[in-house]
Every structure is written in structure tokens, then in C-alpha cells.
């Protein structure tokens, strides 16, 4: 999967859904291995803006995604 620019909760949801499907995981399976509830995965994939950041990072890490935050003026190498 290529690097994706994420600007909204919906962008994160789309990324999580595509990574999950690419790995042939059901939502309940991802929830189990990530240590979160099924409802959290459903809401996350739907782009719910109030998702807890710690749990979001946990799910992304479970899927093998990394998060890079660039300071203003920094550019991706």
C-alpha cells in the first residue's frame, strides 16, 4: 500500500477499510486482534470524528500501517 495523505476522519476510515480488506480480515477479526470492540471498527471505518486516538493508532499498527506527522514546512523524503 502506498503512502496516503490523511486530512479527515473519513480518510482514516477509508484507509483502515482498504487495508483490512487487502489482508482478508472481517471487521470482527480485526477488532479481536487489535484489542478493540467491533463497534469501534465499524465507527472508525465510517469516519466517526470522535474516535479515540490511542485506539486508532492501535488498529493502524495492527494492520501494519505507520503514522508520520510532518511539522509545518517539513517535506516527505
PDB file of N, CA and C in Angstrom:
ATOM      1  N   UNK A   1       0.844  -1.176   0.000  1.00  0.00           N
ATOM      2  CA  UNK A   1       0.000   0.000   0.000  1.00  0.00           C
ATOM      3  C   UNK A   1       0.892   1.243   0.000  1.00  0.00           C
ATOM      4  N   UNK A   2       0.539   2.215  -0.818  1.00  0.00           N
ATOM      5  CA  UNK A   2       1.311   3.455  -0.916  1.00  0.00           C
ATOM      6  C   UNK A   2       0.975   4.394   0.226  1.00  0.00           C
ATOM      7  N   UNK A   3       1.830   5.367   0.442  1.00  0.00           N
ATOM      8  CA  UNK A   3       1.571   6.400   1.450  1.00  0.00           C
ATOM      9  C   UNK A   3       0.310   7.161   1.063  1.00  0.00           C
ATOM     10  N   UNK A   4      -0.488   7.467   2.050  1.00  0.00           N
ATOM     11  CA  UNK A   4      -1.739   8.198   1.826  1.00  0.00           C
ATOM     12  C   UNK A   4      -1.727   9.467   2.665  1.00  0.00           C
ATOM     13  N   UNK A   5      -2.179  10.542   2.085  1.00  0.00           N
ATOM     14  CA  UNK A   5      -2.330  11.785   2.831  1.00  0.00           C
ATOM     15  C   UNK A   5      -3.693  11.738   3.514  1.00  0.00           C
ATOM     16  N   UNK A   6      -3.681  11.914   4.812  1.00  0.00           N
ATOM     17  CA  UNK A   6      -4.907  11.837   5.604  1.00  0.00           C
ATOM     18  C   UNK A   6      -5.225  13.217   6.157  1.00  0.00           C
ATOM     19  N   UNK A   7      -6.425  13.689   5.840  1.00  0.00           N
ATOM     20  CA  UNK A   7      -6.829  15.018   6.310  1.00  0.00           C
ATOM     21  C   UNK A   7      -8.094  14.973   7.153  1.00  0.00           C
ATOM     22  N   UNK A   8      -8.857  13.899   7.053  1.00  0.00           N
ATOM     23  CA  UNK A   8     -10.134  13.825   7.765  1.00  0.00           C
ATOM     24  C   UNK A   8     -10.306  12.448   8.414  1.00  0.00           C
ATOM     25  N   UNK A   9     -11.192  12.348   9.389  1.00  0.00           N
ATOM     26  CA  UNK A   9     -11.502  11.031   9.959  1.00  0.00           C
ATOM     27  C   UNK A   9     -11.994  10.056   8.889  1.00  0.00           C
ATOM     28  N   UNK A  10     -12.701  10.566   7.915  1.00  0.00           N
ATOM     29  CA  UNK A  10     -13.186   9.722   6.817  1.00  0.00           C
ATOM     30  C   UNK A  10     -12.023   9.123   6.021  1.00  0.00           C
ATOM     31  N   UNK A  11     -10.950   9.903   5.833  1.00  0.00           N
ATOM     32  CA  UNK A  11      -9.757   9.397   5.136  1.00  0.00           C
ATOM     33  C   UNK A  11      -9.143   8.226   5.907  1.00  0.00           C
ATOM     34  N   UNK A  12      -9.103   8.342   7.234  1.00  0.00           N
ATOM     35  CA  UNK A  12      -8.563   7.258   8.059  1.00  0.00           C
ATOM     36  C   UNK A  12      -9.455   6.027   7.928  1.00  0.00           C
ATOM     37  N   UNK A  13     -10.760   6.229   7.966  1.00  0.00           N
ATOM     38  CA  UNK A  13     -11.698   5.116   7.818  1.00  0.00           C
ATOM     39  C   UNK A  13     -11.517   4.380   6.503  1.00  0.00           C
ATOM     40  N   UNK A  14     -11.353   5.131   5.439  1.00  0.00           N
ATOM     41  CA  UNK A  14     -11.149   4.531   4.120  1.00  0.00           C
ATOM     42  C   UNK A  14      -9.854   3.735   4.088  1.00  0.00           C
ATOM     43  N   UNK A  15      -8.799   4.284   4.678  1.00  0.00           N
ATOM     44  CA  UNK A  15      -7.509   3.591   4.725  1.00  0.00           C
ATOM     45  C   UNK A  15      -7.617   2.293   5.525  1.00  0.00           C
ATOM     46  N   UNK A  16      -8.269   2.355   6.695  1.00  0.00           N
ATOM     47  CA  UNK A  16      -8.423   1.161   7.535  1.00  0.00           C
ATOM     48  C   UNK A  16      -9.227   0.096   6.792  1.00  0.00           C
ATOM     49  N   UNK A  17     -10.328   0.492   6.164  1.00  0.00           N
ATOM     50  CA  UNK A  17     -11.165  -0.466   5.446  1.00  0.00           C
ATOM     51  C   UNK A  17     -10.390  -1.150   4.317  1.00  0.00           C
ATOM     52  N   UNK A  18      -9.649  -0.349   3.529  1.00  0.00           N
ATOM     53  CA  UNK A  18      -8.928  -0.957   2.407  1.00  0.00           C
ATOM     54  C   UNK A  18      -7.796  -1.853   2.886  1.00  0.00           C
ATOM     55  N   UNK A  19      -7.087  -1.450   3.949  1.00  0.00           N
ATOM     56  CA  UNK A  19      -6.010  -2.297   4.490  1.00  0.00           C
ATOM     57  C   UNK A  19      -6.588  -3.595   5.059  1.00  0.00           C
ATOM     58  N   UNK A  20      -7.723  -3.488   5.742  1.00  0.00           N
ATOM     59  CA  UNK A  20      -8.361  -4.682   6.318  1.00  0.00           C
ATOM     60  C   UNK A  20      -8.777  -5.653   5.217  1.00  0.00           C
ATOM     61  N   UNK A  21      -9.405  -5.122   4.184  1.00  0.00           N
ATOM     62  CA  UNK A  21      -9.868  -5.989   3.081  1.00  0.00           C
ATOM     63  C   UNK A  21      -8.688  -6.597   2.330  1.00  0.00           C
ATOM     64  N   UNK A  22      -7.621  -5.810   2.158  1.00  0.00           N
ATOM     65  CA  UNK A  22      -6.407  -6.301   1.497  1.00  0.00           C
ATOM     66  C   UNK A  22      -5.831  -7.501   2.254  1.00  0.00           C
ATOM     67  N   UNK A  23      -5.977  -7.477   3.589  1.00  0.00           N
ATOM     68  CA  UNK A  23      -5.465  -8.556   4.434  1.00  0.00           C
ATOM     69  C   UNK A  23      -6.516  -9.642   4.681  1.00  0.00           C
ATOM     70  N   UNK A  24      -7.647  -9.511   3.976  1.00  0.00           N
ATOM     71  CA  UNK A  24      -8.729 -10.503   4.042  1.00  0.00           C
ATOM     72  C   UNK A  24      -9.227 -10.749   5.469  1.00  0.00           C
ATOM     73  N   UNK A  25      -9.372  -9.645   6.204  1.00  0.00           N
ATOM     74  CA  UNK A  25      -9.891  -9.716   7.567  1.00  0.00           C
ATOM     75  C   UNK A  25     -11.318  -9.186   7.588  1.00  0.00           C
ATOM     76  N   UNK A  26     -12.170  -9.834   8.376  1.00  0.00           N
ATOM     77  CA  UNK A  26     -13.500  -9.289   8.647  1.00  0.00           C
ATOM     78  C   UNK A  26     -13.351  -8.234   9.737  1.00  0.00           C
ATOM     79  N   UNK A  27     -14.352  -7.385   9.865  1.00  0.00           N
ATOM     80  CA  UNK A  27     -14.294  -6.348  10.893  1.00  0.00           C
ATOM     81  C   UNK A  27     -14.146  -6.952  12.284  1.00  0.00           C
ATOM     82  N   UNK A  28     -14.881  -8.024  12.562  1.00  0.00           N
ATOM     83  CA  UNK A  28     -14.790  -8.637  13.895  1.00  0.00           C
ATOM     84  C   UNK A  28     -13.425  -9.259  14.139  1.00  0.00           C
ATOM     85  N   UNK A  29     -12.799  -9.780  13.088  1.00  0.00           N
ATOM     86  CA  UNK A  29     -11.456 -10.357  13.229  1.00  0.00           C
ATOM     87  C   UNK A  29     -10.436  -9.259  13.536  1.00  0.00           C
ATOM     88  N   UNK A  30     -10.527  -8.143  12.829  1.00  0.00           N
ATOM     89  CA  UNK A  30      -9.623  -7.024  13.092  1.00  0.00           C
ATOM     90  C   UNK A  30      -9.818  -6.508  14.509  1.00  0.00           C
ATOM     91  N   UNK A  31     -11.054  -6.375  14.923  1.00  0.00           N
ATOM     92  CA  UNK A  31     -11.338  -5.921  16.284  1.00  0.00           C
ATOM     93  C   UNK A  31     -10.670  -6.834  17.305  1.00  0.00           C
ATOM     94  N   UNK A  32     -10.766  -8.135  17.103  1.00  0.00           N
ATOM     95  CA  UNK A  32     -10.185  -9.106  18.029  1.00  0.00           C
ATOM     96  C   UNK A  32      -8.675  -9.006  18.115  1.00  0.00           C
ATOM     97  N   UNK A  33      -8.008  -8.949  16.974  1.00  0.00           N
ATOM     98  CA  UNK A  33      -6.541  -8.907  17.008  1.00  0.00           C
ATOM     99  C   UNK A  33      -6.019  -7.548  17.453  1.00  0.00           C
ATOM    100  N   UNK A  34      -6.804  -6.484  17.235  1.00  0.00           N
ATOM    101  CA  UNK A  34      -6.373  -5.152  17.639  1.00  0.00           C
ATOM    102  C   UNK A  34      -6.732  -4.848  19.095  1.00  0.00           C
ATOM    103  N   UNK A  35      -7.564  -5.690  19.688  1.00  0.00           N
ATOM    104  CA  UNK A  35      -7.941  -5.476  21.082  1.00  0.00           C
ATOM    105  C   UNK A  35      -8.952  -4.357  21.275  1.00  0.00           C
ATOM    106  N   UNK A  36      -9.799  -4.147  20.263  1.00  0.00           N
ATOM    107  CA  UNK A  36     -10.861  -3.142  20.361  1.00  0.00           C
ATOM    108  C   UNK A  36     -12.190  -3.826  20.051  1.00  0.00           C
ATOM    109  N   UNK A  37     -13.272  -3.128  20.277  1.00  0.00           N
ATOM    110  CA  UNK A  37     -14.591  -3.688  20.004  1.00  0.00           C
ATOM    111  C   UNK A  37     -14.983  -3.582  18.540  1.00  0.00           C
ATOM    112  N   UNK A  38     -15.895  -4.445  18.125  1.00  0.00           N
ATOM    113  CA  UNK A  38     -16.410  -4.414  16.762  1.00  0.00           C
ATOM    114  C   UNK A  38     -17.033  -3.052  16.448  1.00  0.00           C
ATOM    115  N   UNK A  39     -17.806  -2.506  17.382  1.00  0.00           N
ATOM    116  CA  UNK A  39     -18.455  -1.205  17.175  1.00  0.00           C
ATOM    117  C   UNK A  39     -17.407  -0.128  16.876  1.00  0.00           C
ATOM    118  N   UNK A  40     -16.245  -0.210  17.538  1.00  0.00           N
ATOM    119  CA  UNK A  40     -15.179   0.765  17.287  1.00  0.00           C
ATOM    120  C   UNK A  40     -14.706   0.680  15.840  1.00  0.00           C
ATOM    121  N   UNK A  41     -14.496  -0.543  15.333  1.00  0.00           N
ATOM    122  CA  UNK A  41     -14.050  -0.729  13.947  1.00  0.00           C
ATOM    123  C   UNK A  41     -15.096  -0.199  12.978  1.00  0.00           C
ATOM    124  N   UNK A  42     -16.355  -0.524  13.232  1.00  0.00           N
ATOM    125  CA  UNK A  42     -17.446  -0.053  12.368  1.00  0.00           C
ATOM    126  C   UNK A  42     -17.451   1.476  12.326  1.00  0.00           C
ATOM    127  N   UNK A  43     -17.388   2.108  13.505  1.00  0.00           N
ATOM    128  CA  UNK A  43     -17.385   3.571  13.574  1.00  0.00           C
ATOM    129  C   UNK A  43     -16.137   4.164  12.928  1.00  0.00           C
ATOM    130  N   UNK A  44     -14.985   3.552  13.160  1.00  0.00           N
ATOM    131  CA  UNK A  44     -13.727   4.034  12.588  1.00  0.00           C
ATOM    132  C   UNK A  44     -13.794   4.009  11.059  1.00  0.00           C
ATOM    133  N   UNK A  45     -14.249   2.908  10.495  1.00  0.00           N
ATOM    134  CA  UNK A  45     -14.345   2.793   9.039  1.00  0.00           C
ATOM    135  C   UNK A  45     -15.388   3.754   8.466  1.00  0.00           C
ATOM    136  N   UNK A  46     -16.361   4.122   9.278  1.00  0.00           N
ATOM    137  CA  UNK A  46     -17.390   5.068   8.833  1.00  0.00           C
ATOM    138  C   UNK A  46     -16.904   6.516   8.947  1.00  0.00           C
ATOM    139  N   UNK A  47     -15.707   6.722   9.509  1.00  0.00           N
ATOM    140  CA  UNK A  47     -15.148   8.059   9.615  1.00  0.00           C
ATOM    141  C   UNK A  47     -15.664   8.856  10.796  1.00  0.00           C
ATOM    142  N   UNK A  48     -16.103   8.159  11.855  1.00  0.00           N
ATOM    143  CA  UNK A  48     -16.609   8.860  13.035  1.00  0.00           C
ATOM    144  C   UNK A  48     -15.511   9.776  13.586  1.00  0.00           C
ATOM    145  N   UNK A  49     -15.793  11.064  13.724  1.00  0.00           N
ATOM    146  CA  UNK A  49     -14.752  12.010  14.110  1.00  0.00           C
ATOM    147  C   UNK A  49     -14.342  11.962  15.573  1.00  0.00           C
ATOM    148  N   UNK A  50     -15.063  11.262  16.415  1.00  0.00           N
ATOM    149  CA  UNK A  50     -14.736  11.243  17.840  1.00  0.00           C
ATOM    150  C   UNK A  50     -13.987   9.987  18.269  1.00  0.00           C
ATOM    151  N   UNK A  51     -13.455   9.230  17.336  1.00  0.00           N
ATOM    152  CA  UNK A  51     -12.717   8.007  17.666  1.00  0.00           C
ATOM    153  C   UNK A  51     -11.510   8.339  18.547  1.00  0.00           C
ATOM    154  N   UNK A  52     -11.262   7.501  19.544  1.00  0.00           N
ATOM    155  CA  UNK A  52     -10.131   7.705  20.458  1.00  0.00           C
ATOM    156  C   UNK A  52      -8.816   7.472  19.720  1.00  0.00           C
ATOM    157  N   UNK A  53      -7.938   8.457  19.784  1.00  0.00           N
ATOM    158  CA  UNK A  53      -6.693   8.398  19.013  1.00  0.00           C
ATOM    159  C   UNK A  53      -5.826   7.199  19.390  1.00  0.00           C
ATOM    160  N   UNK A  54      -5.791   6.839  20.663  1.00  0.00           N
ATOM    161  CA  UNK A  54      -4.995   5.683  21.081  1.00  0.00           C
ATOM    162  C   UNK A  54      -5.468   4.404  20.422  1.00  0.00           C
ATOM    163  N   UNK A  55      -6.771   4.224  20.373  1.00  0.00           N
ATOM    164  CA  UNK A  55      -7.327   3.027  19.733  1.00  0.00           C
ATOM    165  C   UNK A  55      -7.118   3.065  18.222  1.00  0.00           C
ATOM    166  N   UNK A  56      -7.239   4.245  17.632  1.00  0.00           N
ATOM    167  CA  UNK A  56      -6.996   4.383  16.185  1.00  0.00           C
ATOM    168  C   UNK A  56      -5.568   3.954  15.868  1.00  0.00           C
ATOM    169  N   UNK A  57      -4.609   4.438  16.649  1.00  0.00           N
ATOM    170  CA  UNK A  57      -3.206   4.075  16.426  1.00  0.00           C
ATOM    171  C   UNK A  57      -2.987   2.578  16.620  1.00  0.00           C
ATOM    172  N   UNK A  58      -3.679   1.991  17.600  1.00  0.00           N
ATOM    173  CA  UNK A  58      -3.592   0.546  17.854  1.00  0.00           C
ATOM    174  C   UNK A  58      -4.059  -0.243  16.625  1.00  0.00           C
ATOM    175  N   UNK A  59      -5.183   0.161  16.046  1.00  0.00           N
ATOM    176  CA  UNK A  59      -5.721  -0.518  14.864  1.00  0.00           C
ATOM    177  C   UNK A  59      -4.772  -0.352  13.686  1.00  0.00           C
ATOM    178  N   UNK A  60      -4.285   0.865  13.467  1.00  0.00           N
ATOM    179  CA  UNK A  60      -3.354   1.103  12.362  1.00  0.00           C
ATOM    180  C   UNK A  60      -2.098   0.256  12.509  1.00  0.00           C
ATOM    181  N   UNK A  61      -1.566   0.179  13.728  1.00  0.00           N
ATOM    182  CA  UNK A  61      -0.370  -0.631  13.975  1.00  0.00           C
ATOM    183  C   UNK A  61      -0.660  -2.107  13.714  1.00  0.00           C
ATOM    184  N   UNK A  62      -1.819  -2.577  14.129  1.00  0.00           N
ATOM    185  CA  UNK A  62      -2.205  -3.974  13.898  1.00  0.00           C
ATOM    186  C   UNK A  62      -2.225  -4.289  12.412  1.00  0.00           C
ATOM    187  N   UNK A  63      -2.667  -3.324  11.605  1.00  0.00           N
ATOM    188  CA  UNK A  63      -2.730  -3.512  10.158  1.00  0.00           C
ATOM    189  C   UNK A  63      -1.367  -3.324   9.485  1.00  0.00           C
ATOM    190  N   UNK A  64      -0.357  -2.928  10.269  1.00  0.00           N
ATOM    191  CA  UNK A  64       0.972  -2.724   9.701  1.00  0.00           C
ATOM    192  C   UNK A  64       1.186  -1.332   9.145  1.00  0.00           C
ATOM    193  N   UNK A  65       0.278  -0.421   9.444  1.00  0.00           N
ATOM    194  CA  UNK A  65       0.420   0.962   8.990  1.00  0.00           C
ATOM    195  C   UNK A  65       1.263   1.743   9.991  1.00  0.00           C
ATOM    196  N   UNK A  66       1.978   2.729   9.503  1.00  0.00           N
ATOM    197  CA  UNK A  66       2.693   3.629  10.398  1.00  0.00           C
ATOM    198  C   UNK A  66       2.144   5.025  10.178  1.00  0.00           C
ATOM    199  N   UNK A  67       2.326   5.872  11.167  1.00  0.00           N
ATOM    200  CA  UNK A  67       1.827   7.236  11.085  1.00  0.00           C
ATOM    201  C   UNK A  67       3.024   8.176  11.156  1.00  0.00           C
ATOM    202  N   UNK A  68       3.166   9.018  10.155  1.00  0.00           N
ATOM    203  CA  UNK A  68       4.214  10.034  10.134  1.00  0.00           C
ATOM    204  C   UNK A  68       3.528  11.388  10.165  1.00  0.00           C
ATOM    205  N   UNK A  69       3.881  12.199  11.137  1.00  0.00           N
ATOM    206  CA  UNK A  69       3.324  13.541  11.222  1.00  0.00           C
ATOM    207  C   UNK A  69       4.448  14.518  10.914  1.00  0.00           C
ATOM    208  N   UNK A  70       4.228  15.323   9.899  1.00  0.00           N
ATOM    209  CA  UNK A  70       5.241  16.274   9.480  1.00  0.00           C
ATOM    210  C   UNK A  70       4.939  17.639  10.067  1.00  0.00           C
ATOM    211  N   UNK A  71       5.958  18.274  10.639  1.00  0.00           N
ATOM    212  CA  UNK A  71       5.796  19.629  11.158  1.00  0.00           C
ATOM    213  C   UNK A  71       5.609  20.592   9.989  1.00  0.00           C
ATOM    214  N   UNK A  72       5.020  21.748  10.231  1.00  0.00           N
ATOM    215  CA  UNK A  72       4.867  22.724   9.145  1.00  0.00           C
ATOM    216  C   UNK A  72       6.221  23.008   8.478  1.00  0.00           C
ATOM    217  N   UNK A  73       6.218  22.962   7.178  1.00  0.00           N
ATOM    218  CA  UNK A  73       7.450  23.233   6.420  1.00  0.00           C
ATOM    219  C   UNK A  73       8.275  21.994   6.126  1.00  0.00           C
ATOM    220  N   UNK A  74       8.034  20.892   6.836  1.00  0.00           N
ATOM    221  CA  UNK A  74       8.765  19.660   6.546  1.00  0.00           C
ATOM    222  C   UNK A  74       8.193  19.011   5.293  1.00  0.00           C
ATOM    223  N   UNK A  75       9.044  18.325   4.590  1.00  0.00           N
ATOM    224  CA  UNK A  75       8.588  17.601   3.404  1.00  0.00           C
ATOM    225  C   UNK A  75       8.965  16.148   3.537  1.00  0.00           C
ATOM    226  N   UNK A  76       8.084  15.307   2.982  1.00  0.00           N
ATOM    227  CA  UNK A  76       8.347  13.868   2.973  1.00  0.00           C
ATOM    228  C   UNK A  76       9.535  13.602   2.062  1.00  0.00           C
ATOM    229  N   UNK A  77      10.457  12.764   2.520  1.00  0.00           N
ATOM    230  CA  UNK A  77      11.662  12.424   1.751  1.00  0.00           C
ATOM    231  C   UNK A  77      11.340  11.440   0.653  1.00  0.00           C
TER     232      UNK A  77
END
